[in-house]
Protein backbone atom coordinates (compact mmCIF):
# COMPACT_ATOMS: atom_id res chain seq x y z
CA MET A 1 15.39 -5.21 40.84
CA THR A 2 18.00 -3.60 38.76
CA THR A 3 21.53 -3.72 39.11
CA ILE A 4 23.47 -0.71 37.92
CA LYS A 5 26.90 -0.39 37.82
CA LEU A 6 29.02 2.53 37.57
CA HIS A 7 32.53 3.69 36.49
CA ASN A 8 33.67 4.80 39.93
CA THR A 9 36.74 7.40 39.51
CA ARG A 10 38.31 6.90 42.59
CA THR A 11 38.85 3.21 42.29
CA ARG A 12 39.05 3.22 38.68
CA THR A 13 37.12 0.82 38.25
CA LYS A 14 32.75 -0.27 37.39
CA GLU A 15 31.70 -1.61 40.08
CA ASP A 16 28.11 -2.40 41.07
CA PHE A 17 26.06 0.45 42.40
CA VAL A 18 24.93 -0.66 45.91
CA PRO A 19 23.35 2.81 47.81
CA ILE A 20 23.81 3.23 51.44
CA ASP A 21 20.09 2.95 52.02
CA GLU A 22 17.69 2.35 48.73
CA ASN A 23 15.13 4.27 50.38
CA ASN A 24 17.42 7.15 50.32
CA VAL A 25 19.15 6.97 47.57
CA ARG A 26 21.47 10.74 47.44
CA MET A 27 23.44 12.27 44.47
CA TYR A 28 25.03 15.69 44.50
CA VAL A 29 26.60 17.20 41.42
CA CYS A 30 28.41 20.86 41.30
CA GLY A 31 25.94 23.07 39.53
CA PRO A 32 27.50 26.48 38.38
CA THR A 33 28.98 29.56 38.88
CA VAL A 34 26.12 32.30 38.26
CA TYR A 35 27.74 35.44 36.25
CA ASP A 36 26.58 34.49 32.88
CA ARG A 37 24.93 31.94 30.56
CA ALA A 38 25.72 28.47 30.54
CA HIS A 39 27.90 27.54 27.48
CA LEU A 40 26.87 24.22 25.67
CA GLY A 41 29.73 22.71 27.77
CA ASN A 42 28.32 23.57 30.92
CA ALA A 43 24.89 21.39 29.84
CA ARG A 44 26.84 17.92 29.27
CA PRO A 45 26.64 17.48 32.85
CA VAL A 46 23.78 19.05 33.23
CA VAL A 47 21.91 16.41 31.07
CA VAL A 48 23.72 12.87 32.18
CA PHE A 49 23.26 13.77 35.59
CA ASP A 50 19.43 14.16 34.30
CA VAL A 51 19.68 10.51 32.95
CA LEU A 52 21.23 9.25 35.90
CA TYR A 53 18.80 11.25 38.31
CA ARG A 54 15.56 9.36 35.92
CA LEU A 55 17.19 5.93 36.29
CA LEU A 56 17.40 6.15 39.71
CA ARG A 57 13.86 7.63 39.71
CA HIS A 58 13.07 4.19 37.99
CA VAL A 59 14.83 1.67 40.27
CA TYR A 60 14.34 2.80 43.57
CA GLY A 61 11.16 5.13 43.24
CA VAL A 62 10.87 8.52 42.74
CA ASP A 63 9.95 9.28 46.38
CA HIS A 64 13.29 7.36 47.51
CA VAL A 65 16.04 9.78 45.60
CA THR A 66 17.44 13.16 46.27
CA TYR A 67 19.41 14.81 44.05
CA VAL A 68 21.31 18.03 44.71
CA ARG A 69 23.15 20.57 42.49
CA ASN A 70 24.39 23.99 43.75
CA PHE A 71 24.55 27.66 42.88
CA THR A 72 27.79 29.25 43.18
CA ASP A 73 26.38 32.52 44.03
CA VAL A 74 30.00 33.95 45.88
CA ASP A 75 33.07 34.22 43.70
CA ASP A 76 35.20 36.93 42.32
CA LYS A 77 33.74 36.23 38.64
CA ILE A 78 30.27 37.37 40.00
CA ASN A 79 32.32 40.48 41.82
CA ALA A 80 34.29 41.17 38.58
CA ARG A 81 30.96 41.48 36.62
CA ALA A 82 29.04 43.74 39.29
CA ALA A 83 32.36 46.09 39.00
CA GLU A 84 32.25 46.12 35.12
CA SER A 85 28.61 46.01 34.78
CA GLY A 86 27.75 48.77 38.47
CA ARG A 87 24.81 46.24 38.64
CA LEU A 88 24.01 44.68 41.99
CA ILE A 89 25.39 41.23 42.86
CA SER A 90 22.09 40.01 43.80
CA ASP A 91 20.61 41.12 40.34
CA ILE A 92 23.46 39.16 37.86
CA THR A 93 22.78 36.00 40.50
CA GLU A 94 19.13 36.05 40.19
CA GLU A 95 18.66 36.68 36.83
CA THR A 96 21.44 33.90 35.76
CA ILE A 97 19.89 31.29 37.93
CA GLY A 98 16.52 31.84 36.25
CA TRP A 99 18.37 32.06 32.79
CA PHE A 100 20.07 29.26 33.83
CA LEU A 101 16.79 26.91 34.73
CA ASP A 102 15.03 27.90 32.03
CA ASP A 103 17.97 27.56 29.40
CA MET A 104 18.35 23.85 31.50
CA GLY A 105 14.76 23.15 31.23
CA GLN A 106 14.25 23.61 27.82
CA LEU A 107 16.72 20.62 27.15
CA GLY A 108 14.50 18.29 29.37
CA ALA A 109 16.29 18.84 32.72
CA LEU A 110 14.08 17.75 35.14
CA GLU A 111 14.74 20.36 38.59
CA PRO A 112 16.74 19.01 41.30
CA ASP A 113 15.66 17.64 44.40
CA ALA A 114 17.41 21.11 46.12
CA ALA A 115 19.29 23.47 44.68
CA PRO A 116 20.93 25.44 47.22
CA ARG A 117 22.93 28.41 46.92
CA ALA A 118 26.59 29.06 48.38
CA THR A 119 25.21 32.37 50.44
CA GLN A 120 22.90 30.37 52.00
CA TYR A 121 25.41 28.47 54.27
CA ILE A 122 28.16 30.21 55.01
CA ASN A 123 27.40 29.64 58.88
CA GLN A 124 27.89 26.24 57.95
CA MET A 125 30.88 26.55 56.22
CA ILE A 126 32.62 28.72 58.73
CA ALA A 127 31.80 25.94 61.28
CA MET A 128 33.68 23.35 58.66
CA CYS A 129 36.77 25.53 59.02
CA GLU A 130 36.76 25.90 62.84
CA VAL A 131 36.53 21.63 62.97
CA LEU A 132 39.46 21.43 60.38
CA ILE A 133 41.57 24.11 62.64
CA GLU A 134 40.79 22.43 65.72
CA LYS A 135 41.84 18.96 64.56
CA GLY A 136 44.93 20.43 62.83
CA HIS A 137 44.06 20.07 59.23
CA ALA A 138 43.65 23.75 58.75
CA TYR A 139 45.15 27.45 59.87
CA ALA A 140 44.82 30.68 59.78
CA ALA A 141 47.19 33.55 58.62
CA GLU A 142 46.55 36.92 58.09
CA GLY A 143 42.82 36.65 57.66
CA HIS A 144 42.85 33.19 55.27
CA VAL A 145 41.48 29.92 56.62
CA LEU A 146 43.65 27.53 54.29
CA PHE A 147 43.60 23.43 54.29
CA ALA A 148 47.09 21.90 55.30
CA VAL A 149 47.51 19.75 52.68
CA ASP A 150 50.38 17.53 54.68
CA SER A 151 48.27 16.56 57.32
CA TRP A 152 46.29 14.31 55.09
CA LYS A 153 48.77 12.88 52.66
CA GLU A 154 47.77 9.30 52.26
CA GLY A 155 44.53 10.96 51.35
CA TYR A 156 45.52 13.35 49.71
CA GLY A 157 45.33 12.75 45.92
CA LYS A 158 43.72 9.31 45.49
CA LEU A 159 40.95 10.50 43.56
CA SER A 160 43.14 12.24 40.36
CA GLY A 161 45.77 9.42 41.25
CA ARG A 162 48.68 11.93 42.03
CA SER A 163 50.63 11.93 44.52
CA VAL A 164 51.24 15.42 46.16
CA ASP A 165 54.82 15.72 45.43
CA ASP A 166 53.73 15.38 41.61
CA MET A 167 51.36 17.74 41.79
CA ILE A 168 53.24 20.65 43.62
CA ALA A 169 55.88 20.26 40.34
CA GLY A 170 53.04 20.62 38.17
CA ALA A 171 50.22 22.49 39.44
CA ARG A 172 49.85 26.40 39.17
CA VAL A 173 49.35 27.47 42.71
CA GLU A 174 48.99 30.67 44.00
CA VAL A 175 52.37 31.67 45.76
CA ALA A 176 51.27 33.42 48.90
CA PRO A 177 52.94 34.49 52.10
CA TYR A 178 50.94 33.10 54.42
CA LYS A 179 51.04 29.60 52.91
CA LYS A 180 52.92 26.98 54.66
CA ASN A 181 53.19 24.43 51.45
CA PRO A 182 52.04 25.43 47.76
CA MET A 183 49.32 23.01 48.06
CA ASP A 184 47.45 24.59 50.85
CA PHE A 185 44.22 25.81 49.70
CA VAL A 186 42.04 28.25 50.71
CA MET A 187 38.64 28.05 52.35
CA TRP A 188 38.15 31.58 53.87
CA LYS A 189 39.41 34.91 52.65
CA PRO A 190 39.17 38.58 54.03
CA SER A 191 36.75 40.77 52.31
CA SER A 192 37.29 44.79 51.04
CA ASP A 193 34.75 46.60 52.26
CA ASP A 194 33.08 47.22 48.44
CA LEU A 195 33.54 43.40 48.49
CA PRO A 196 30.47 40.65 49.43
CA GLY A 197 31.60 39.22 53.24
CA TRP A 198 30.62 38.00 56.68
CA GLU A 199 31.61 38.13 60.00
CA SER A 200 33.99 35.19 61.22
CA PRO A 201 36.80 34.18 63.80
CA TRP A 202 38.99 35.51 61.04
CA GLY A 203 37.43 38.60 60.40
CA ARG A 204 35.12 39.67 57.67
CA GLY A 205 35.81 37.56 54.71
CA ARG A 206 33.93 34.56 52.44
CA PRO A 207 34.38 31.53 51.47
CA GLY A 208 36.50 29.73 48.78
CA TRP A 209 35.12 27.98 46.30
CA HIS A 210 35.82 24.60 47.22
CA ILE A 211 34.53 24.63 51.06
CA GLU A 212 30.88 25.17 49.52
CA CYS A 213 30.45 22.17 48.22
CA SER A 214 31.39 20.66 51.49
CA ALA A 215 29.39 22.24 53.84
CA MET A 216 26.76 22.20 51.05
CA ALA A 217 26.38 18.07 51.13
CA LYS A 218 27.19 17.73 54.47
CA GLU A 219 24.20 19.71 55.42
CA LEU A 220 21.45 18.08 53.07
CA LEU A 221 22.63 14.70 52.57
CA GLY A 222 24.50 14.07 55.28
CA VAL A 223 28.73 12.89 55.89
CA SER A 224 27.94 10.51 53.58
CA PHE A 225 25.93 9.93 50.74
CA ASP A 226 26.03 7.75 47.50
CA ILE A 227 27.31 9.80 44.13
CA HIS A 228 28.79 12.68 43.92
CA GLY A 229 29.58 14.26 39.68
CA GLY A 230 30.76 16.83 37.53
CA GLY A 231 32.87 17.80 34.60
CA ASN A 232 36.32 15.98 34.60
CA ASP A 233 37.97 19.55 34.67
CA LEU A 234 36.96 19.55 38.42
CA MET A 235 38.10 16.40 39.32
CA PHE A 236 41.14 18.26 40.19
CA PRO A 237 41.70 20.52 42.09
CA HIS A 238 37.98 21.03 43.58
CA HIS A 239 36.62 17.68 44.14
CA GLU A 240 40.20 16.25 45.81
CA ASN A 241 39.56 19.65 47.94
CA GLU A 242 36.55 18.68 48.91
CA ILE A 243 37.36 15.11 49.82
CA ALA A 244 39.93 16.36 51.69
CA GLN A 245 37.98 19.01 53.83
CA SER A 246 34.72 16.67 54.19
CA CYS A 247 36.82 13.86 54.96
CA CYS A 248 39.16 15.09 58.16
CA ALA A 249 36.43 17.69 59.15
CA ASN A 250 34.14 14.21 59.34
CA PRO A 251 36.25 11.10 59.35
CA GLU A 252 33.53 9.30 61.09
CA GLY A 253 31.88 9.23 57.45
CA ASP A 254 32.77 8.36 53.61
CA PHE A 255 31.35 11.66 51.59
CA ALA A 256 30.47 10.04 48.62
CA ARG A 257 31.43 6.63 47.90
CA TYR A 258 30.82 6.45 44.00
CA TRP A 259 33.06 9.75 41.67
CA LEU A 260 31.05 10.20 37.89
CA HIS A 261 32.84 12.74 36.10
CA ASN A 262 31.83 13.45 31.93
CA GLU A 263 34.22 13.81 29.43
CA MET A 264 34.36 17.74 28.09
CA LEU A 265 33.04 18.94 24.64
CA GLN A 266 33.84 19.82 21.09
CA VAL A 267 32.67 21.65 18.20
CA GLU A 268 33.34 20.13 15.20
CA GLY A 269 36.58 18.39 16.26
CA LYS A 270 38.54 21.29 18.25
CA LYS A 271 38.01 22.63 22.03
CA MET A 272 35.74 25.28 22.84
CA SER A 273 36.97 28.81 23.00
CA LYS A 274 35.73 32.47 21.98
CA SER A 275 39.49 32.73 20.07
CA LEU A 276 38.27 30.02 17.87
CA GLY A 277 35.11 31.51 17.02
CA ASN A 278 33.39 28.01 17.71
CA PHE A 279 32.11 29.56 21.86
CA PHE A 280 28.24 29.41 22.07
CA THR A 281 25.61 29.36 24.95
CA VAL A 282 22.65 27.31 25.32
CA ARG A 283 20.88 30.37 24.68
CA ASP A 284 22.79 31.42 21.33
CA LEU A 285 21.53 27.53 19.93
CA LEU A 286 17.95 28.05 21.06
CA ASP A 287 17.63 31.58 19.61
CA GLN A 288 18.97 30.01 16.36
CA GLY A 289 16.60 27.48 15.90
CA VAL A 290 18.19 25.19 17.44
CA PRO A 291 15.15 22.64 19.62
CA GLY A 292 16.17 21.83 22.98
CA GLU A 293 15.68 18.38 22.15
CA VAL A 294 17.93 18.50 20.06
CA VAL A 295 20.60 19.21 21.77
CA ARG A 296 19.72 16.65 23.78
CA PHE A 297 19.58 13.57 21.21
CA VAL A 298 22.81 14.51 20.10
CA PHE A 299 24.16 14.81 23.83
CA LEU A 300 23.42 11.33 24.56
CA SER A 301 24.60 9.76 21.53
CA THR A 302 27.83 9.79 22.89
CA HIS A 303 28.63 8.29 25.85
CA TYR A 304 29.65 10.24 29.47
CA ARG A 305 32.98 9.30 29.53
CA LYS A 306 34.03 9.88 26.00
CA PRO A 307 34.50 13.01 24.73
CA MET A 308 31.51 14.73 23.03
CA ASP A 309 32.09 16.59 19.90
CA TRP A 310 29.15 19.17 18.36
CA THR A 311 28.88 19.63 15.21
CA GLU A 312 26.10 20.94 12.63
CA LYS A 313 26.04 17.82 10.91
CA LYS A 314 24.66 16.22 13.59
CA ALA A 315 22.41 18.63 14.35
CA LYS A 316 20.20 18.06 11.71
CA GLU A 317 20.67 14.70 11.81
CA ALA A 318 19.31 14.50 15.22
CA GLU A 319 16.20 17.03 13.87
CA GLY A 320 15.42 14.51 11.02
CA VAL A 321 15.38 11.74 13.54
CA LEU A 322 13.14 13.38 16.18
CA ARG A 323 10.29 13.96 13.63
CA LYS A 324 9.90 10.79 12.45
CA TRP A 325 10.47 9.32 15.98
CA ARG A 326 7.25 12.07 17.07
CA ALA A 327 5.16 11.11 13.40
CA LEU A 328 5.49 7.16 14.52
CA THR A 329 4.45 8.15 18.80
CA ALA A 330 1.86 10.70 17.54
CA GLY A 331 -1.26 9.56 19.42
CA ILE A 332 0.26 6.45 21.27
CA GLU A 333 0.29 5.66 24.35
CA PRO A 334 3.13 4.58 25.89
CA ALA A 335 4.33 1.09 27.23
CA SER A 336 4.06 0.76 31.19
CA THR A 337 7.66 0.63 31.34
CA ALA A 338 10.75 1.52 29.34
CA ALA A 339 12.34 -1.64 26.91
CA ALA A 340 14.36 -4.11 28.77
CA ALA A 341 17.32 -3.33 26.45
CA VAL A 342 17.06 0.25 27.04
CA LEU A 343 16.71 0.08 30.45
CA GLU A 344 20.05 -2.36 30.35
CA ALA A 345 22.37 -0.24 28.41
CA LEU A 346 21.37 2.76 30.66
CA SER A 347 22.21 0.69 33.80
CA GLU A 348 25.71 -0.56 32.16
CA ASP A 349 27.77 2.84 33.26
CA LEU A 350 24.79 5.41 32.45
CA ASN A 351 25.85 4.00 28.45
CA THR A 352 23.14 6.63 26.53
CA ALA A 353 24.71 6.00 23.35
CA GLY A 354 23.95 2.25 23.84
CA ALA A 355 19.95 3.26 24.72
CA MET A 356 19.94 5.63 21.82
CA ALA A 357 21.11 2.23 19.62
CA GLU A 358 18.16 0.65 20.66
CA LEU A 359 15.84 3.56 20.38
CA HIS A 360 16.82 3.42 16.69
CA LYS A 361 15.76 -0.39 16.69
CA LEU A 362 12.70 0.07 18.17
CA ALA A 363 12.07 2.63 15.57
CA ALA A 364 12.78 0.53 13.09
CA ALA A 365 9.95 -2.38 14.10
CA GLY A 366 8.17 0.22 14.43
CA ASP A 367 6.97 -0.56 18.22
CA ALA A 368 5.76 2.74 18.76
CA SER A 369 4.70 2.05 22.30
CA ALA A 370 7.92 0.85 23.36
CA LEU A 371 9.88 4.03 21.71
CA LEU A 372 7.76 6.32 23.34
CA ALA A 373 8.14 4.97 26.75
CA SER A 374 12.17 4.17 26.21
CA ALA A 375 12.52 7.78 24.81
CA GLN A 376 10.80 9.07 27.97
CA MET A 377 12.42 7.45 29.98
CA MET A 378 15.48 9.44 28.94
CA GLY A 379 13.90 12.10 28.30
CA LEU A 380 12.98 12.78 24.97
CA LEU A 381 9.86 12.65 23.14
CA THR A 382 8.17 14.46 26.28
CA ASP A 383 5.17 16.81 25.52
CA GLU A 384 7.12 19.15 27.33
CA LEU A 385 9.94 19.14 24.43
CA GLY A 386 7.63 18.50 21.46
CA ALA A 387 5.84 22.38 20.89
CA TRP A 388 8.92 22.72 17.79
CA ALA A 389 7.82 19.44 16.07
CA GLU A 390 4.31 21.05 15.80
CA ALA A 391 5.44 23.16 13.26
CA ASP A 392 5.10 20.15 11.19
CA ASP A 393 1.30 20.66 10.98
CA VAL A 394 1.14 23.71 8.91
CA ASP A 395 1.45 23.42 5.44
CA LEU A 396 3.50 25.10 4.04
CA SER A 397 3.45 24.11 -0.06
CA ALA A 398 1.79 27.37 -1.03
CA PHE A 399 4.95 29.51 0.37
CA VAL A 400 7.41 26.97 -0.58
CA ASP A 401 5.90 27.48 -4.45
CA GLN A 402 5.85 31.63 -3.53
CA LEU A 403 9.77 31.11 -3.09
CA ALA A 404 9.95 29.06 -6.07
CA SER A 405 8.08 31.10 -8.47
CA ALA A 406 9.62 33.94 -6.95
CA ARG A 407 13.66 32.78 -7.77
CA GLU A 408 12.49 31.27 -10.91
CA THR A 409 11.71 34.97 -12.50
CA ALA A 410 14.42 36.54 -10.47
CA MET A 411 17.03 34.46 -12.42
CA GLU A 412 15.36 35.96 -15.50
CA THR A 413 14.61 39.47 -14.65
CA LYS A 414 18.21 39.05 -12.81
CA ASP A 415 16.33 41.15 -9.84
CA PHE A 416 15.95 39.39 -6.66
CA SER A 417 14.17 42.11 -4.63
CA GLU A 418 11.25 40.00 -4.00
CA VAL A 419 13.53 36.45 -2.93
CA ASP A 420 15.30 38.77 -0.72
CA ARG A 421 11.68 39.97 0.80
CA LEU A 422 10.38 36.33 0.89
CA LYS A 423 13.39 34.55 2.54
CA SER A 424 13.54 37.55 5.53
CA ALA A 425 10.05 37.12 6.25
CA PHE A 426 10.05 33.50 5.87
CA ILE A 427 13.24 33.74 8.55
CA ALA A 428 11.59 36.26 11.03
CA ALA A 429 8.64 33.89 11.40
CA GLY A 430 11.07 30.75 12.73
CA LEU A 431 11.48 28.81 9.04
CA GLU A 432 14.68 28.24 8.24
CA VAL A 433 15.41 28.96 4.30
CA ARG A 434 17.28 26.43 2.13
CA MET A 435 17.89 26.68 -1.86
CA SER A 436 19.42 24.71 -3.94
CA LYS A 437 19.27 23.23 -7.35
CA ALA A 438 16.92 20.66 -6.41
CA GLY A 439 14.48 23.68 -5.05
CA VAL A 440 13.29 25.03 -2.29
CA GLU A 441 12.75 24.15 1.16
CA LEU A 442 11.03 25.44 4.53
CA VAL A 443 12.08 24.08 7.64
CA PRO A 444 10.65 24.99 10.74
CA THR A 445 12.89 25.71 13.58
CA ALA A 446 11.80 25.86 17.42
CA GLY A 447 11.11 29.24 17.59
CA PHE A 448 7.95 29.02 14.18
CA ASP A 449 5.43 30.83 14.45
CA ALA A 450 2.61 30.37 11.56
CA ALA A 451 0.56 33.70 12.58
CA ARG A 452 3.88 35.54 11.16
CA LEU A 453 4.42 34.33 7.84
CA PRO A 454 2.98 36.33 4.93
CA ARG A 455 -0.09 35.82 2.59
CA ALA A 456 1.03 33.31 0.55
């Protein structure tokens, strides 16, 4: 059996992955808070852990892997969005969950085996709070339930490598009169009549953010499971708090044995932010004609533990490579399994960049069947993601000639109205129009529809 090695954040070492039960390999990944479209950074962990999910299924069998990714559908950001828009919270969360699943599907991500919503596990969260109070690890105060960090000093901070004193000194923590320690965090808080709430021993209220993952992971995967993943921005405080709650409530278990964290995403070498004007959602890219398969290709070209820089140049290069690979593998049956070198790279701490290098080698050698099987192992060159490339079958030469002729006439007459008309029509049909001294080029995008082309 293939040996998978994973870098365990908790031990800061690369370890052989040894599942608790080879017939029941379990992975939990933190999902989105559903109040708006997923931005490009939100998509990176989805793609990263989708590849790990595929690898685990390949090694242990499809029926022996359980992947859980949650939806946070109770949160102050959702409440604020409802107040701003005047819409029902349920309408916002349902719509946003649908958007997320559709957008991630267009990036080739398989849906997890379970996608629990926080609101479905309120009773389990209340029960965990009660257990922690009983064990002396939590306390109730003014309608809140807080985890007492001092009660577990020996374990708190080990994931992120910080001491409690260091965290108090450097953290931005909420100063509240009901806290015994500045680092104590809220597991339950009171709700006013205009906010979502559930009855509890501490009054009507709603859960804090961290408790939901602890409760859902226990319910769906048990007190011990194999892998917990997410972006490294969640390491502290979210994952640190999950560990504290879960290990103190269920000391007989390990919670998660392997912790994996992906690095953050940049855009053109800078942190993505609205203030810099480089913030965009996955849907923005798809609507601009960037195929989901291209986004996935760019993501996988960088190791998950390194910062990933999204650039327009990388997207163009990825599109060109994928067109060549799809042409090479057209009509070819995939090999019975992925190439050994690709599997070896993926098994070495999910080295997708190394695996992509092996795909390039297979393409250069003309080994189409191995290329197809190996790429599909990584969620590339699948039939589901191939619609954008089918536009290559349309002969666009007449339209190129038409625009080139119109441009030549316009250069003489200085009347560019026909050029502008054709460009608008081609763009509306889903073509990218490129004009330079070298000539005219029409490039199909993901939204290309040949039926909308004007008569040549």
